[in-house]
C-alpha atoms as a PDB file:
ATOM      1  CA  UNK A   1     -56.562   2.921 -29.884  1.00  0.00           C
ATOM      2  CA  UNK A   2     -55.907   6.453 -28.745  1.00  0.00           C
ATOM      3  CA  UNK A   3     -53.182   6.590 -25.915  1.00  0.00           C
ATOM      4  CA  UNK A   4     -53.076   9.379 -23.276  1.00  0.00           C
ATOM      5  CA  UNK A   5     -50.169  10.764 -25.181  1.00  0.00           C
ATOM      6  CA  UNK A   6     -52.263  11.280 -28.279  1.00  0.00           C
ATOM      7  CA  UNK A   7     -54.812  13.147 -26.328  1.00  0.00           C
ATOM      8  CA  UNK A   8     -51.996  15.224 -25.019  1.00  0.00           C
ATOM      9  CA  UNK A   9     -50.694  16.106 -28.346  1.00  0.00           C
ATOM     10  CA  UNK A  10     -54.027  16.829 -29.911  1.00  0.00           C
ATOM     11  CA  UNK A  11     -55.933  18.502 -27.125  1.00  0.00           C
ATOM     12  CA  UNK A  12     -53.846  19.228 -23.942  1.00  0.00           C
ATOM     13  CA  UNK A  13     -50.701  20.660 -25.256  1.00  0.00           C
ATOM     14  CA  UNK A  14     -52.618  23.255 -27.565  1.00  0.00           C
ATOM     15  CA  UNK A  15     -54.692  24.071 -24.564  1.00  0.00           C
ATOM     16  CA  UNK A  16     -51.548  24.759 -22.375  1.00  0.00           C
ATOM     17  CA  UNK A  17     -50.022  26.864 -25.278  1.00  0.00           C
ATOM     18  CA  UNK A  18     -53.310  28.783 -25.816  1.00  0.00           C
ATOM     19  CA  UNK A  19     -53.592  29.612 -22.057  1.00  0.00           C
ATOM     20  CA  UNK A  20     -49.975  30.731 -22.000  1.00  0.00           C
ATOM     21  CA  UNK A  21     -50.259  32.814 -25.264  1.00  0.00           C
ATOM     22  CA  UNK A  22     -53.419  34.384 -23.875  1.00  0.00           C
ATOM     23  CA  UNK A  23     -51.658  35.282 -20.581  1.00  0.00           C
ATOM     24  CA  UNK A  24     -48.676  36.702 -22.338  1.00  0.00           C
ATOM     25  CA  UNK A  25     -50.800  38.872 -24.548  1.00  0.00           C
ATOM     26  CA  UNK A  26     -52.717  40.228 -21.454  1.00  0.00           C
ATOM     27  CA  UNK A  27     -49.260  41.281 -20.115  1.00  0.00           C
ATOM     28  CA  UNK A  28     -48.534  43.252 -23.253  1.00  0.00           C
ATOM     29  CA  UNK A  29     -46.197  41.059 -25.253  1.00  0.00           C
ATOM     30  CA  UNK A  30     -46.804  41.069 -28.994  1.00  0.00           C
ATOM     31  CA  UNK A  31     -47.805  37.941 -30.858  1.00  0.00           C
ATOM     32  CA  UNK A  32     -44.430  38.014 -32.702  1.00  0.00           C
ATOM     33  CA  UNK A  33     -42.532  38.135 -29.373  1.00  0.00           C
ATOM     34  CA  UNK A  34     -44.533  35.339 -27.920  1.00  0.00           C
ATOM     35  CA  UNK A  35     -43.854  33.171 -30.979  1.00  0.00           C
ATOM     36  CA  UNK A  36     -40.019  33.828 -30.549  1.00  0.00           C
ATOM     37  CA  UNK A  37     -40.214  33.070 -26.834  1.00  0.00           C
ATOM     38  CA  UNK A  38     -42.286  29.953 -27.196  1.00  0.00           C
ATOM     39  CA  UNK A  39     -40.602  28.620 -30.199  1.00  0.00           C
ATOM     40  CA  UNK A  40     -43.827  28.438 -32.228  1.00  0.00           C
ATOM     41  CA  UNK A  41     -45.025  30.320 -35.415  1.00  0.00           C
ATOM     42  CA  UNK A  42     -46.763  33.654 -35.250  1.00  0.00           C
ATOM     43  CA  UNK A  43     -49.671  32.042 -37.028  1.00  0.00           C
ATOM     44  CA  UNK A  44     -49.905  29.415 -34.267  1.00  0.00           C
ATOM     45  CA  UNK A  45     -50.035  32.224 -31.614  1.00  0.00           C
ATOM     46  CA  UNK A  46     -52.649  33.982 -33.620  1.00  0.00           C
ATOM     47  CA  UNK A  47     -54.720  30.949 -33.703  1.00  0.00           C
ATOM     48  CA  UNK A  48     -54.351  30.259 -29.993  1.00  0.00           C
ATOM     49  CA  UNK A  49     -55.285  33.856 -29.175  1.00  0.00           C
ATOM     50  CA  UNK A  50     -58.275  33.910 -31.451  1.00  0.00           C
ATOM     51  CA  UNK A  51     -59.421  30.564 -30.014  1.00  0.00           C
ATOM     52  CA  UNK A  52     -59.202  28.818 -33.368  1.00  0.00           C
ATOM     53  CA  UNK A  53     -56.741  26.327 -31.833  1.00  0.00           C
ATOM     54  CA  UNK A  54     -56.208  24.982 -28.327  1.00  0.00           C
ATOM     55  CA  UNK A  55     -59.786  25.618 -27.229  1.00  0.00           C
ATOM     56  CA  UNK A  56     -61.135  22.057 -27.108  1.00  0.00           C
ATOM     57  CA  UNK A  57     -60.523  21.780 -23.411  1.00  0.00           C
ATOM     58  CA  UNK A  58     -60.404  24.308 -20.650  1.00  0.00           C
ATOM     59  CA  UNK A  59     -57.424  23.627 -18.499  1.00  0.00           C
ATOM     60  CA  UNK A  60     -57.069  27.188 -17.130  1.00  0.00           C
ATOM     61  CA  UNK A  61     -58.580  26.533 -13.743  1.00  0.00           C
ATOM     62  CA  UNK A  62     -56.306  23.521 -13.131  1.00  0.00           C
ATOM     63  CA  UNK A  63     -53.099  25.206 -14.165  1.00  0.00           C
ATOM     64  CA  UNK A  64     -53.692  28.882 -13.808  1.00  0.00           C
ATOM     65  CA  UNK A  65     -51.064  29.333 -11.241  1.00  0.00           C
ATOM     66  CA  UNK A  66     -48.526  27.477 -13.328  1.00  0.00           C
ATOM     67  CA  UNK A  67     -49.265  29.581 -16.386  1.00  0.00           C
ATOM     68  CA  UNK A  68     -48.935  32.723 -14.455  1.00  0.00           C
ATOM     69  CA  UNK A  69     -45.621  31.595 -12.971  1.00  0.00           C
ATOM     70  CA  UNK A  70     -44.424  30.480 -16.399  1.00  0.00           C
ATOM     71  CA  UNK A  71     -45.521  33.863 -18.013  1.00  0.00           C
ATOM     72  CA  UNK A  72     -43.598  35.690 -15.304  1.00  0.00           C
ATOM     73  CA  UNK A  73     -40.460  33.578 -15.842  1.00  0.00           C
ATOM     74  CA  UNK A  74     -40.724  34.191 -19.623  1.00  0.00           C
ATOM     75  CA  UNK A  75     -41.259  38.007 -19.239  1.00  0.00           C
ATOM     76  CA  UNK A  76     -38.314  38.229 -16.828  1.00  0.00           C
ATOM     77  CA  UNK A  77     -36.081  36.122 -19.033  1.00  0.00           C
ATOM     78  CA  UNK A  78     -35.579  33.574 -16.174  1.00  0.00           C
ATOM     79  CA  UNK A  79     -36.429  30.441 -18.264  1.00  0.00           C
ATOM     80  CA  UNK A  80     -34.294  28.924 -20.902  1.00  0.00           C
ATOM     81  CA  UNK A  81     -36.423  25.890 -21.687  1.00  0.00           C
ATOM     82  CA  UNK A  82     -40.171  26.601 -22.106  1.00  0.00           C
ATOM     83  CA  UNK A  83     -40.547  22.985 -23.382  1.00  0.00           C
ATOM     84  CA  UNK A  84     -39.491  21.487 -20.100  1.00  0.00           C
ATOM     85  CA  UNK A  85     -41.879  23.676 -18.058  1.00  0.00           C
ATOM     86  CA  UNK A  86     -44.635  22.756 -20.442  1.00  0.00           C
ATOM     87  CA  UNK A  87     -43.870  19.090 -19.826  1.00  0.00           C
ATOM     88  CA  UNK A  88     -44.067  19.633 -16.089  1.00  0.00           C
ATOM     89  CA  UNK A  89     -47.484  21.388 -16.531  1.00  0.00           C
ATOM     90  CA  UNK A  90     -48.610  18.394 -18.723  1.00  0.00           C
ATOM     91  CA  UNK A  91     -47.352  15.983 -16.103  1.00  0.00           C
ATOM     92  CA  UNK A  92     -49.386  17.786 -13.438  1.00  0.00           C
ATOM     93  CA  UNK A  93     -52.572  17.491 -15.618  1.00  0.00           C
ATOM     94  CA  UNK A  94     -51.978  13.836 -16.191  1.00  0.00           C
ATOM     95  CA  UNK A  95     -51.477  13.159 -12.427  1.00  0.00           C
ATOM     96  CA  UNK A  96     -54.592  15.118 -11.568  1.00  0.00           C
ATOM     97  CA  UNK A  97     -56.525  12.862 -14.032  1.00  0.00           C
ATOM     98  CA  UNK A  98     -57.458  15.765 -16.266  1.00  0.00           C
ATOM     99  CA  UNK A  99     -56.672  13.616 -19.356  1.00  0.00           C
ATOM    100  CA  UNK A 100     -58.879  10.765 -17.888  1.00  0.00           C
ATOM    101  CA  UNK A 101     -61.677  13.205 -17.482  1.00  0.00           C
ATOM    102  CA  UNK A 102     -61.748  14.069 -21.128  1.00  0.00           C
ATOM    103  CA  UNK A 103     -62.906  10.532 -21.971  1.00  0.00           C
ATOM    104  CA  UNK A 104     -60.946  10.518 -25.160  1.00  0.00           C
ATOM    105  CA  UNK A 105     -58.601   7.782 -24.527  1.00  0.00           C
ATOM    106  CA  UNK A 106     -59.425   4.206 -25.753  1.00  0.00           C
ATOM    107  CA  UNK A 107     -58.186   2.713 -22.514  1.00  0.00           C
ATOM    108  CA  UNK A 108     -60.293   0.720 -20.080  1.00  0.00           C
ATOM    109  CA  UNK A 109     -61.801   2.318 -16.963  1.00  0.00           C
ATOM    110  CA  UNK A 110     -59.067   0.691 -14.931  1.00  0.00           C
ATOM    111  CA  UNK A 111     -56.289   2.591 -16.688  1.00  0.00           C
ATOM    112  CA  UNK A 112     -53.557   3.941 -14.401  1.00  0.00           C
ATOM    113  CA  UNK A 113     -51.160   5.093 -17.085  1.00  0.00           C
ATOM    114  CA  UNK A 114     -51.359   8.821 -16.159  1.00  0.00           C
ATOM    115  CA  UNK A 115     -51.395   8.074 -12.288  1.00  0.00           C
ATOM    116  CA  UNK A 116     -48.263   6.003 -12.741  1.00  0.00           C
ATOM    117  CA  UNK A 117     -46.462   9.149 -13.661  1.00  0.00           C
ATOM    118  CA  UNK A 118     -46.345  10.196  -9.885  1.00  0.00           C
ATOM    119  CA  UNK A 119     -43.060   8.241  -9.763  1.00  0.00           C
ATOM    120  CA  UNK A 120     -41.527   9.760 -12.812  1.00  0.00           C
ATOM    121  CA  UNK A 121     -39.816  13.046 -12.960  1.00  0.00           C
ATOM    122  CA  UNK A 122     -38.802  15.259 -15.852  1.00  0.00           C
ATOM    123  CA  UNK A 123     -35.002  15.793 -16.000  1.00  0.00           C
END
């Protein structure tokens, strides 16, 4: 059985990283600098930018404002923990039923796992 978290790891998280890497490249950061700031390898950044990784789902419309805000914070050096902000973006996608809409989870139609996250906060 595939849980929502498995879908997040395999599809959603790479899509968030790809959208962020693409935004940072558009703003003039090098792939090497992006890899340092995101804590991922330069090869991963290259794959995100060339759409070899993180292109299974399109999350840009749902989270474009969050991606732009995070890119601003990264460029301005205002963010210490990119992982925490990525988790917040992921939680938004789950609350907005984006994961449910992918039809990749092996959970029944009455599943409320992602919706139950409304009461949870990332600390």
